[in-house]
C-alpha atoms as a PDB file:
ATOM      1  CA  MET A   1     -30.803  -4.615   2.317  1.00  0.00           C
ATOM      2  CA  LYS A   2     -30.119  -2.627  -0.445  1.00  0.00           C
ATOM      3  CA  LYS A   3     -30.787   0.898   1.753  1.00  0.00           C
ATOM      4  CA  ILE A   4     -28.575   0.050   3.897  1.00  0.00           C
ATOM      5  CA  LEU A   5     -25.814  -1.414   1.468  1.00  0.00           C
ATOM      6  CA  LYS A   6     -25.992   1.994  -0.211  1.00  0.00           C
ATOM      7  CA  VAL A   7     -25.756   4.511   3.201  1.00  0.00           C
ATOM      8  CA  TYR A   8     -22.491   2.230   3.626  1.00  0.00           C
ATOM      9  CA  LEU A   9     -20.940   2.364   0.735  1.00  0.00           C
ATOM     10  CA  GLU A  10     -21.747   6.224   0.638  1.00  0.00           C
ATOM     11  CA  THR A  11     -20.492   7.163   3.957  1.00  0.00           C
ATOM     12  CA  ASN A  12     -16.688   7.753   3.940  1.00  0.00           C
ATOM     13  CA  LEU A  13     -14.789   4.938   4.330  1.00  0.00           C
ATOM     14  CA  VAL A  14     -12.156   6.414   7.148  1.00  0.00           C
ATOM     15  CA  ILE A  15     -15.485   7.457   8.708  1.00  0.00           C
ATOM     16  CA  ARG A  16     -16.165   3.490   8.372  1.00  0.00           C
ATOM     17  CA  ILE A  17     -12.870   2.381   9.772  1.00  0.00           C
ATOM     18  CA  LEU A  18     -12.974   3.870  12.273  1.00  0.00           C
ATOM     19  CA  ILE A  19     -16.379   2.683  13.687  1.00  0.00           C
ATOM     20  CA  GLY A  20     -15.476  -0.561  12.552  1.00  0.00           C
ATOM     21  CA  LEU A  21     -12.083  -0.073  14.753  1.00  0.00           C
ATOM     22  CA  ILE A  22     -13.888   0.992  17.915  1.00  0.00           C
ATOM     23  CA  ILE A  23     -16.408  -1.556  17.431  1.00  0.00           C
ATOM     24  CA  GLY A  24     -13.476  -4.126  17.431  1.00  0.00           C
ATOM     25  CA  ALA A  25     -12.086  -2.627  20.426  1.00  0.00           C
ATOM     26  CA  ALA A  26     -15.273  -2.549  22.266  1.00  0.00           C
ATOM     27  CA  LEU A  27     -16.149  -6.569  21.647  1.00  0.00           C
ATOM     28  CA  GLY A  28     -12.422  -7.394  22.082  1.00  0.00           C
ATOM     29  CA  LEU A  29     -12.781  -6.311  25.560  1.00  0.00           C
ATOM     30  CA  PHE A  30     -16.221  -7.824  26.351  1.00  0.00           C
ATOM     31  CA  ALA A  31     -14.901 -11.133  24.904  1.00  0.00           C
ATOM     32  CA  SER A  32     -11.672 -11.028  27.605  1.00  0.00           C
ATOM     33  CA  HIS A  33     -14.052  -9.888  30.522  1.00  0.00           C
ATOM     34  CA  SER A  34     -16.806 -12.094  29.738  1.00  0.00           C
ATOM     35  CA  GLY A  35     -15.158 -15.087  28.624  1.00  0.00           C
ATOM     36  CA  ILE A  36     -17.933 -15.540  26.031  1.00  0.00           C
ATOM     37  CA  ASN A  37     -16.525 -16.899  22.973  1.00  0.00           C
ATOM     38  CA  ILE A  38     -16.985 -14.768  20.157  1.00  0.00           C
ATOM     39  CA  GLY A  39     -13.544 -15.576  18.310  1.00  0.00           C
ATOM     40  CA  PHE A  40     -15.483 -15.862  14.701  1.00  0.00           C
ATOM     41  CA  ILE A  41     -15.130 -12.457  14.704  1.00  0.00           C
ATOM     42  CA  GLY A  42     -11.322 -12.158  14.424  1.00  0.00           C
ATOM     43  CA  VAL A  43     -11.958 -14.035  10.974  1.00  0.00           C
ATOM     44  CA  PHE A  44     -13.010 -11.139   9.295  1.00  0.00           C
ATOM     45  CA  GLY A  45      -9.462  -9.593   9.777  1.00  0.00           C
ATOM     46  CA  ASP A  46      -7.688 -12.415   8.384  1.00  0.00           C
ATOM     47  CA  VAL A  47     -10.338 -12.989   5.416  1.00  0.00           C
ATOM     48  CA  PHE A  48      -9.431  -8.983   4.733  1.00  0.00           C
ATOM     49  CA  VAL A  49      -5.322  -9.353   5.350  1.00  0.00           C
ATOM     50  CA  GLY A  50      -5.728 -12.616   2.972  1.00  0.00           C
ATOM     51  CA  ALA A  51      -7.802 -10.639   0.273  1.00  0.00           C
ATOM     52  CA  LEU A  52      -5.083  -8.013   0.266  1.00  0.00           C
ATOM     53  CA  LYS A  53      -2.356 -10.165  -0.079  1.00  0.00           C
ATOM     54  CA  ALA A  54      -4.194 -12.229  -2.804  1.00  0.00           C
ATOM     55  CA  ILE A  55      -5.013  -9.349  -4.895  1.00  0.00           C
ATOM     56  CA  ALA A  56      -2.410  -6.591  -4.607  1.00  0.00           C
ATOM     57  CA  PRO A  57       0.705  -8.629  -6.403  1.00  0.00           C
ATOM     58  CA  VAL A  58      -2.119  -9.351  -9.267  1.00  0.00           C
ATOM     59  CA  LEU A  59      -3.198  -5.781  -9.486  1.00  0.00           C
ATOM     60  CA  VAL A  60       0.701  -4.441  -9.666  1.00  0.00           C
ATOM     61  CA  PHE A  61       1.373  -6.827 -12.663  1.00  0.00           C
ATOM     62  CA  VAL A  62      -1.633  -6.453 -14.809  1.00  0.00           C
ATOM     63  CA  LEU A  63      -1.687  -2.633 -14.035  1.00  0.00           C
ATOM     64  CA  VAL A  64       1.952  -2.046 -15.437  1.00  0.00           C
ATOM     65  CA  ILE A  65       1.545  -4.228 -18.071  1.00  0.00           C
ATOM     66  CA  ALA A  66      -1.790  -2.500 -19.544  1.00  0.00           C
ATOM     67  CA  SER A  67      -0.232   1.004 -19.316  1.00  0.00           C
ATOM     68  CA  LEU A  68       3.168   0.500 -20.984  1.00  0.00           C
ATOM     69  CA  ALA A  69       1.567  -1.499 -23.505  1.00  0.00           C
ATOM     70  CA  ASN A  70      -0.996   1.274 -24.099  1.00  0.00           C
ATOM     71  CA  ALA A  71       1.647   4.122 -23.420  1.00  0.00           C
ATOM     72  CA  GLY A  72       2.173   6.771 -25.951  1.00  0.00           C
ATOM     73  CA  GLN A  73       5.539   8.117 -27.258  1.00  0.00           C
ATOM     74  CA  GLY A  74       8.511   9.572 -25.753  1.00  0.00           C
ATOM     75  CA  ILE A  75       7.220   8.811 -22.063  1.00  0.00           C
ATOM     76  CA  GLY A  76      10.946   7.272 -21.252  1.00  0.00           C
ATOM     77  CA  LYS A  77      12.694  10.593 -21.078  1.00  0.00           C
ATOM     78  CA  ARG A  78       9.682  11.853 -19.066  1.00  0.00           C
ATOM     79  CA  PHE A  79       9.453   9.076 -16.440  1.00  0.00           C
ATOM     80  CA  ARG A  80      13.283   9.410 -15.584  1.00  0.00           C
ATOM     81  CA  THR A  81      12.337  12.188 -13.628  1.00  0.00           C
ATOM     82  CA  VAL A  82       9.624   9.633 -11.910  1.00  0.00           C
ATOM     83  CA  ILE A  83      12.336   7.144 -11.218  1.00  0.00           C
ATOM     84  CA  ILE A  84      14.709  10.140  -9.263  1.00  0.00           C
ATOM     85  CA  LEU A  85      12.125  11.403  -7.482  1.00  0.00           C
ATOM     86  CA  TYR A  86      11.081   7.956  -5.916  1.00  0.00           C
ATOM     87  CA  MET A  87      14.785   7.031  -5.376  1.00  0.00           C
ATOM     88  CA  LEU A  88      15.152  10.476  -3.427  1.00  0.00           C
ATOM     89  CA  SER A  89      12.290  10.127  -1.307  1.00  0.00           C
ATOM     90  CA  THR A  90      12.877   6.766  -0.590  1.00  0.00           C
ATOM     91  CA  PHE A  91      16.428   7.535   0.559  1.00  0.00           C
ATOM     92  CA  LEU A  92      15.585  10.783   2.617  1.00  0.00           C
ATOM     93  CA  ALA A  93      12.630   8.622   4.294  1.00  0.00           C
ATOM     94  CA  ALA A  94      15.261   5.910   5.305  1.00  0.00           C
ATOM     95  CA  VAL A  95      17.149   8.941   6.896  1.00  0.00           C
ATOM     96  CA  VAL A  96      14.044  10.083   8.698  1.00  0.00           C
ATOM     97  CA  GLY A  97      13.606   6.329   9.713  1.00  0.00           C
ATOM     98  CA  VAL A  98      16.875   6.002  11.187  1.00  0.00           C
ATOM     99  CA  ILE A  99      17.016   9.682  12.792  1.00  0.00           C
ATOM    100  CA  GLY A 100      13.663   8.777  14.411  1.00  0.00           C
ATOM    101  CA  CYS A 101      14.809   5.703  15.929  1.00  0.00           C
ATOM    102  CA  ASN A 102      17.965   7.564  17.259  1.00  0.00           C
ATOM    103  CA  ILE A 103      16.281  10.425  19.141  1.00  0.00           C
ATOM    104  CA  TYR A 104      13.436   7.982  20.017  1.00  0.00           C
ATOM    105  CA  PRO A 105      14.156   4.112  20.637  1.00  0.00           C
ATOM    106  CA  VAL A 106      11.449   1.813  21.148  1.00  0.00           C
ATOM    107  CA  LYS A 107      12.319  -1.796  22.264  1.00  0.00           C
ATOM    108  CA  LEU A 108       9.126  -4.262  21.468  1.00  0.00           C
ATOM    109  CA  VAL A 109       9.296  -7.765  22.992  1.00  0.00           C
ATOM    110  CA  LEU A 110       7.564 -10.360  21.304  1.00  0.00           C
ATOM    111  CA  GLU A 111       5.977 -13.157  23.184  1.00  0.00           C
ATOM    112  CA  GLY A 112       5.222 -16.614  21.949  1.00  0.00           C
ATOM    113  CA  THR A 113       7.577 -16.319  18.699  1.00  0.00           C
ATOM    114  CA  GLU A 114      10.956 -17.899  18.377  1.00  0.00           C
ATOM    115  CA  ALA A 115      13.870 -15.834  17.288  1.00  0.00           C
ATOM    116  CA  VAL A 116      14.936 -16.309  13.615  1.00  0.00           C
ATOM    117  CA  GLU A 117      19.163 -15.732  13.387  1.00  0.00           C
ATOM    118  CA  GLN A 118      19.465 -14.054  10.071  1.00  0.00           C
ATOM    119  CA  ALA A 119      23.274 -12.750   8.961  1.00  0.00           C
ATOM    120  CA  ALA A 120      23.129  -9.500   7.493  1.00  0.00           C
ATOM    121  CA  PRO A 121      24.621  -8.619   4.009  1.00  0.00           C
ATOM    122  CA  SER A 122      28.733  -9.047   3.822  1.00  0.00           C
ATOM    123  CA  GLY A 123      28.516  -6.105   1.656  1.00  0.00           C
ATOM    124  CA  LEU A 124      27.039  -4.396  -1.361  1.00  0.00           C
ATOM    125  CA  GLY A 125      27.710  -7.090  -3.764  1.00  0.00           C
ATOM    126  CA  GLU A 126      25.556  -9.714  -2.002  1.00  0.00           C
ATOM    127  CA  VAL A 127      22.942  -6.874  -1.742  1.00  0.00           C
ATOM    128  CA  MET A 128      23.539  -6.676  -5.717  1.00  0.00           C
ATOM    129  CA  HIS A 129      23.187 -10.267  -6.208  1.00  0.00           C
ATOM    130  CA  SER A 130      20.020 -10.803  -3.912  1.00  0.00           C
ATOM    131  CA  LEU A 131      18.528  -8.144  -6.211  1.00  0.00           C
ATOM    132  CA  VAL A 132      19.381  -8.852  -9.461  1.00  0.00           C
ATOM    133  CA  MET A 133      18.280 -12.719  -8.441  1.00  0.00           C
ATOM    134  CA  ASN A 134      14.547 -11.239  -7.435  1.00  0.00           C
ATOM    135  CA  MET A 135      14.252  -9.517 -10.506  1.00  0.00           C
ATOM    136  CA  VAL A 136      14.760 -12.277 -12.471  1.00  0.00           C
ATOM    137  CA  ALA A 137      13.125 -14.735 -10.336  1.00  0.00           C
ATOM    138  CA  ASN A 138       9.914 -16.799 -11.745  1.00  0.00           C
ATOM    139  CA  PRO A 139       7.144 -14.522 -12.369  1.00  0.00           C
ATOM    140  CA  VAL A 140       4.563 -17.190 -11.542  1.00  0.00           C
ATOM    141  CA  LYS A 141       6.165 -17.846  -8.411  1.00  0.00           C
ATOM    142  CA  SER A 142       6.836 -13.984  -7.699  1.00  0.00           C
ATOM    143  CA  LEU A 143       2.937 -13.180  -7.871  1.00  0.00           C
ATOM    144  CA  THR A 144       2.557 -16.332  -5.569  1.00  0.00           C
ATOM    145  CA  GLU A 145       5.106 -15.287  -3.016  1.00  0.00           C
ATOM    146  CA  ALA A 146       4.389 -11.362  -3.847  1.00  0.00           C
ATOM    147  CA  ASN A 147       7.856 -10.821  -4.785  1.00  0.00           C
ATOM    148  CA  TYR A 148       7.216  -7.201  -6.122  1.00  0.00           C
ATOM    149  CA  ILE A 149      10.983  -6.982  -7.523  1.00  0.00           C
ATOM    150  CA  GLY A 150      10.361  -9.449  -9.591  1.00  0.00           C
ATOM    151  CA  ILE A 151       6.603  -8.877 -10.304  1.00  0.00           C
ATOM    152  CA  LEU A 152       7.789  -5.480 -11.149  1.00  0.00           C
ATOM    153  CA  SER A 153      10.509  -6.137 -13.612  1.00  0.00           C
ATOM    154  CA  TRP A 154       8.558  -8.812 -15.739  1.00  0.00           C
ATOM    155  CA  SER A 155       5.606  -6.691 -16.466  1.00  0.00           C
ATOM    156  CA  VAL A 156       7.831  -3.791 -17.230  1.00  0.00           C
ATOM    157  CA  VAL A 157       9.407  -6.474 -19.837  1.00  0.00           C
ATOM    158  CA  LEU A 158       6.014  -7.951 -21.227  1.00  0.00           C
ATOM    159  CA  GLY A 159       4.619  -4.229 -20.913  1.00  0.00           C
ATOM    160  CA  LEU A 160       7.294  -2.747 -23.177  1.00  0.00           C
ATOM    161  CA  ALA A 161       6.963  -6.284 -25.155  1.00  0.00           C
ATOM    162  CA  LEU A 162       3.130  -6.008 -25.664  1.00  0.00           C
ATOM    163  CA  LYS A 163       3.830  -2.659 -26.672  1.00  0.00           C
ATOM    164  CA  LEU A 164       5.741  -3.471 -30.080  1.00  0.00           C
ATOM    165  CA  VAL A 165       4.063  -6.376 -31.312  1.00  0.00           C
ATOM    166  CA  ALA A 166       0.261  -5.856 -29.926  1.00  0.00           C
ATOM    167  CA  SER A 167      -2.587  -5.261 -31.836  1.00  0.00           C
ATOM    168  CA  ASP A 168      -4.973  -2.415 -30.725  1.00  0.00           C
ATOM    169  CA  HIS A 169      -8.000  -5.185 -29.831  1.00  0.00           C
ATOM    170  CA  THR A 170      -4.932  -7.070 -27.545  1.00  0.00           C
ATOM    171  CA  LYS A 171      -4.317  -3.698 -26.228  1.00  0.00           C
ATOM    172  CA  LEU A 172      -7.553  -3.463 -25.324  1.00  0.00           C
ATOM    173  CA  VAL A 173      -8.533  -6.296 -23.407  1.00  0.00           C
ATOM    174  CA  LEU A 174      -5.425  -5.529 -21.337  1.00  0.00           C
ATOM    175  CA  SER A 175      -6.944  -2.447 -20.441  1.00  0.00           C
ATOM    176  CA  ASP A 176     -10.236  -4.048 -19.609  1.00  0.00           C
ATOM    177  CA  ILE A 177      -8.590  -6.924 -17.504  1.00  0.00           C
ATOM    178  CA  SER A 178      -6.749  -3.957 -15.754  1.00  0.00           C
ATOM    179  CA  ASN A 179     -10.314  -2.022 -15.149  1.00  0.00           C
ATOM    180  CA  ALA A 180     -11.772  -5.549 -14.218  1.00  0.00           C
ATOM    181  CA  VAL A 181      -9.060  -5.930 -11.585  1.00  0.00           C
ATOM    182  CA  THR A 182      -8.769  -2.720  -9.796  1.00  0.00           C
ATOM    183  CA  LYS A 183     -12.941  -3.150  -9.523  1.00  0.00           C
ATOM    184  CA  ALA A 184     -12.076  -6.088  -7.329  1.00  0.00           C
ATOM    185  CA  VAL A 185      -9.512  -4.461  -5.094  1.00  0.00           C
ATOM    186  CA  ARG A 186     -11.848  -1.254  -4.495  1.00  0.00           C
ATOM    187  CA  TRP A 187     -14.446  -4.226  -3.676  1.00  0.00           C
ATOM    188  CA  VAL A 188     -11.830  -5.704  -1.299  1.00  0.00           C
ATOM    189  CA  ILE A 189     -11.226  -2.321   0.093  1.00  0.00           C
ATOM    190  CA  ASN A 190     -14.737  -1.478   1.268  1.00  0.00           C
ATOM    191  CA  PHE A 191     -14.669  -4.490   3.221  1.00  0.00           C
ATOM    192  CA  ALA A 192     -11.894  -2.679   5.048  1.00  0.00           C
ATOM    193  CA  PRO A 193     -14.246  -1.674   8.250  1.00  0.00           C
ATOM    194  CA  PHE A 194     -14.819  -5.201   8.800  1.00  0.00           C
ATOM    195  CA  GLY A 195     -11.253  -6.009   8.452  1.00  0.00           C
ATOM    196  CA  ILE A 196      -9.868  -3.845  10.696  1.00  0.00           C
ATOM    197  CA  MET A 197     -12.705  -4.618  13.351  1.00  0.00           C
ATOM    198  CA  GLY A 198     -11.404  -7.976  12.896  1.00  0.00           C
ATOM    199  CA  LEU A 199      -7.808  -7.414  13.564  1.00  0.00           C
ATOM    200  CA  VAL A 200      -8.364  -5.173  16.064  1.00  0.00           C
ATOM    201  CA  PHE A 201     -11.139  -7.871  17.999  1.00  0.00           C
ATOM    202  CA  ASN A 202      -8.265  -9.916  17.947  1.00  0.00           C
ATOM    203  CA  SER A 203      -5.614  -7.842  19.263  1.00  0.00           C
ATOM    204  CA  VAL A 204      -7.423  -6.540  22.405  1.00  0.00           C
ATOM    205  CA  SER A 205      -9.338 -10.378  23.036  1.00  0.00           C
ATOM    206  CA  GLU A 206      -5.686 -11.578  23.588  1.00  0.00           C
ATOM    207  CA  ASN A 207      -3.872  -8.932  25.150  1.00  0.00           C
ATOM    208  CA  GLY A 208      -6.267  -6.396  26.770  1.00  0.00           C
ATOM    209  CA  LEU A 209      -5.963  -2.405  26.798  1.00  0.00           C
ATOM    210  CA  SER A 210      -2.109  -2.988  27.297  1.00  0.00           C
ATOM    211  CA  ILE A 211      -1.977  -3.471  23.675  1.00  0.00           C
ATOM    212  CA  PHE A 212      -2.801  -0.010  23.294  1.00  0.00           C
ATOM    213  CA  THR A 213      -0.343   1.249  25.437  1.00  0.00           C
ATOM    214  CA  ASP A 214       2.544  -1.618  24.418  1.00  0.00           C
ATOM    215  CA  TYR A 215       2.512  -0.953  20.963  1.00  0.00           C
ATOM    216  CA  GLY A 216       1.551   3.064  21.572  1.00  0.00           C
ATOM    217  CA  LYS A 217       5.508   3.843  22.028  1.00  0.00           C
ATOM    218  CA  LEU A 218       6.139   1.923  18.282  1.00  0.00           C
ATOM    219  CA  LEU A 219       2.962   4.025  16.692  1.00  0.00           C
ATOM    220  CA  ILE A 220       4.278   7.144  17.800  1.00  0.00           C
ATOM    221  CA  LEU A 221       7.672   6.647  16.148  1.00  0.00           C
ATOM    222  CA  LEU A 222       5.797   4.708  13.076  1.00  0.00           C
ATOM    223  CA  VAL A 223       2.972   7.549  12.618  1.00  0.00           C
ATOM    224  CA  GLY A 224       5.719  10.574  13.739  1.00  0.00           C
ATOM    225  CA  CYS A 225       8.472   9.239  10.888  1.00  0.00           C
ATOM    226  CA  MET A 226       5.403   9.160   8.668  1.00  0.00           C
ATOM    227  CA  LEU A 227       4.442  12.904   9.190  1.00  0.00           C
ATOM    228  CA  ALA A 228       7.855  13.947   8.672  1.00  0.00           C
ATOM    229  CA  VAL A 229       8.144  12.373   5.390  1.00  0.00           C
ATOM    230  CA  ALA A 230       4.565  13.432   4.005  1.00  0.00           C
ATOM    231  CA  LEU A 231       4.500  16.662   5.419  1.00  0.00           C
ATOM    232  CA  ILE A 232       8.010  18.133   5.416  1.00  0.00           C
ATOM    233  CA  VAL A 233      10.538  15.903   3.669  1.00  0.00           C
ATOM    234  CA  ASP A 234       8.059  15.194   0.022  1.00  0.00           C
ATOM    235  CA  PRO A 235       6.492  18.444   0.002  1.00  0.00           C
ATOM    236  CA  LEU A 236      10.060  20.385   0.105  1.00  0.00           C
ATOM    237  CA  ILE A 237      10.770  18.309  -3.007  1.00  0.00           C
ATOM    238  CA  ALA A 238       7.620  19.046  -4.437  1.00  0.00           C
ATOM    239  CA  SER A 239       8.213  22.505  -4.160  1.00  0.00           C
ATOM    240  CA  LEU A 240      11.639  22.503  -5.373  1.00  0.00           C
ATOM    241  CA  CYS A 241      10.257  20.668  -8.564  1.00  0.00           C
ATOM    242  CA  LEU A 242       7.032  22.765  -9.181  1.00  0.00           C
ATOM    243  CA  ARG A 243       9.021  25.829  -8.316  1.00  0.00           C
ATOM    244  CA  ARG A 244       5.348  26.734  -6.231  1.00  0.00           C
ATOM    245  CA  ASN A 245       3.916  26.024  -2.439  1.00  0.00           C
ATOM    246  CA  ALA A 246       3.111  22.309  -3.094  1.00  0.00           C
ATOM    247  CA  TYR A 247       1.155  22.088   0.421  1.00  0.00           C
ATOM    248  CA  PRO A 248      -1.932  22.891  -1.359  1.00  0.00           C
ATOM    249  CA  LEU A 249      -1.536  19.509  -3.222  1.00  0.00           C
ATOM    250  CA  VAL A 250      -0.063  17.854  -0.471  1.00  0.00           C
ATOM    251  CA  PHE A 251      -3.395  18.530   1.992  1.00  0.00           C
ATOM    252  CA  ARG A 252      -5.604  17.298  -1.077  1.00  0.00           C
ATOM    253  CA  CYS A 253      -3.624  13.979  -1.332  1.00  0.00           C
ATOM    254  CA  PHE A 254      -3.197  13.602   2.105  1.00  0.00           C
ATOM    255  CA  LYS A 255      -6.855  13.869   2.643  1.00  0.00           C
ATOM    256  CA  GLU A 256      -8.475  11.781  -0.375  1.00  0.00           C
ATOM    257  CA  SER A 257      -5.785   8.993  -0.511  1.00  0.00           C
ATOM    258  CA  GLY A 258      -2.872   9.314   2.640  1.00  0.00           C
ATOM    259  CA  LEU A 259      -5.714   8.504   5.228  1.00  0.00           C
ATOM    260  CA  THR A 260      -7.329   5.671   3.397  1.00  0.00           C
ATOM    261  CA  ALA A 261      -3.980   4.159   2.482  1.00  0.00           C
ATOM    262  CA  PHE A 262      -3.013   4.400   6.771  1.00  0.00           C
ATOM    263  CA  PHE A 263      -5.871   2.440   7.473  1.00  0.00           C
ATOM    264  CA  THR A 264      -5.710  -0.066   4.878  1.00  0.00           C
ATOM    265  CA  ARG A 265      -2.297  -0.833   5.281  1.00  0.00           C
ATOM    266  CA  SER A 266      -1.845  -1.471   1.620  1.00  0.00           C
ATOM    267  CA  SER A 267      -0.274   1.039  -0.951  1.00  0.00           C
ATOM    268  CA  ALA A 268      -1.229  -1.311  -3.881  1.00  0.00           C
ATOM    269  CA  ALA A 269      -4.431  -1.428  -2.557  1.00  0.00           C
ATOM    270  CA  ASN A 270      -5.162   1.981  -2.491  1.00  0.00           C
ATOM    271  CA  ILE A 271      -4.038   2.205  -6.423  1.00  0.00           C
ATOM    272  CA  PRO A 272      -7.563   2.880  -7.429  1.00  0.00           C
ATOM    273  CA  ILE A 273      -8.075   5.601  -5.187  1.00  0.00           C
ATOM    274  CA  ASN A 274      -4.582   7.371  -6.111  1.00  0.00           C
ATOM    275  CA  MET A 275      -5.471   6.760 -10.382  1.00  0.00           C
ATOM    276  CA  ALA A 276      -8.702   8.306  -9.614  1.00  0.00           C
ATOM    277  CA  LEU A 277      -7.109  11.353  -8.107  1.00  0.00           C
ATOM    278  CA  CYS A 278      -4.673  11.688 -10.683  1.00  0.00           C
ATOM    279  CA  GLU A 279      -7.374  12.106 -13.018  1.00  0.00           C
ATOM    280  CA  LYS A 280      -9.461  14.537 -11.146  1.00  0.00           C
ATOM    281  CA  LEU A 281      -6.150  16.638 -11.432  1.00  0.00           C
ATOM    282  CA  GLY A 282      -5.993  16.356 -14.872  1.00  0.00           C
ATOM    283  CA  LEU A 283      -2.585  14.780 -15.093  1.00  0.00           C
ATOM    284  CA  ASP A 284      -1.382  13.135 -17.919  1.00  0.00           C
ATOM    285  CA  LYS A 285      -2.356   9.548 -18.208  1.00  0.00           C
ATOM    286  CA  ASP A 286       0.263   7.883 -19.663  1.00  0.00           C
ATOM    287  CA  MET A 287       2.692   8.982 -16.505  1.00  0.00           C
ATOM    288  CA  TYR A 288       0.225   8.125 -13.591  1.00  0.00           C
ATOM    289  CA  SER A 289      -0.814   4.933 -15.352  1.00  0.00           C
ATOM    290  CA  VAL A 290       2.882   3.710 -15.134  1.00  0.00           C
ATOM    291  CA  SER A 291       4.260   5.465 -11.805  1.00  0.00           C
ATOM    292  CA  ILE A 292       1.269   5.026  -9.504  1.00  0.00           C
ATOM    293  CA  PRO A 293       1.288   1.086  -9.424  1.00  0.00           C
ATOM    294  CA  LEU A 294       5.236   1.120 -10.026  1.00  0.00           C
ATOM    295  CA  GLY A 295       5.735   3.161  -6.987  1.00  0.00           C
ATOM    296  CA  ALA A 296       3.150   0.976  -4.810  1.00  0.00           C
END
């Protein structure tokens, strides 16, 4: 059993996920045509999604607090650049999304669901009011409802406060807690192949292979926009800032982080992988230990 577990953990995660996807699709087709009830396989998907939703808010909250509490002096001026780049990249990603939707419009009909009427914000004032209220929402409620705006704002406040008043022993405890939560997330990520298998099984057993044709158009649009941002927009920003060809770095990040983030469907759960990659690249820990959770 130990040997099987060792081989499983040493196999590349993306390969494991692809195998899980194929097995899930095959079992889904078998269930839909044979009539045999093997619906318990779908539980794996529910467990995986539930675990990610549960641990990701806690991870971001703990990591930002621990990182700010242990950060060195003078990080504010350097971190300003990170914030500006995040905002610029997010804005340009939104532009790419709008352009993509107009070039390749996709209409997806969701059956068996009731339409929910939602009015668009009446103006910028309403948007800002909603943003501010999310920032000052109860931190416990923010964690339970995965309100990342509230999680980030309170974690920044608590992290800066602890940086001023916490003793070295307290800061060490915070680091140990963040490392423990990170370890727990790694365990959840290793469950991803079974989770993807369960999710694909549910979709295929209920809708057949038509699920791939119906959602295929949407995937083309989504993945196309993702690739445009990951391989054109962000490398251009990075090249201008670094004043050199950023593509070697981009391809390494794409290989070691991007593929895992895509298949696990969670940027927050991908935080430990990004942190490890930053360490391999020899980056300043004071910077990436805060910017990675904040960006996720």
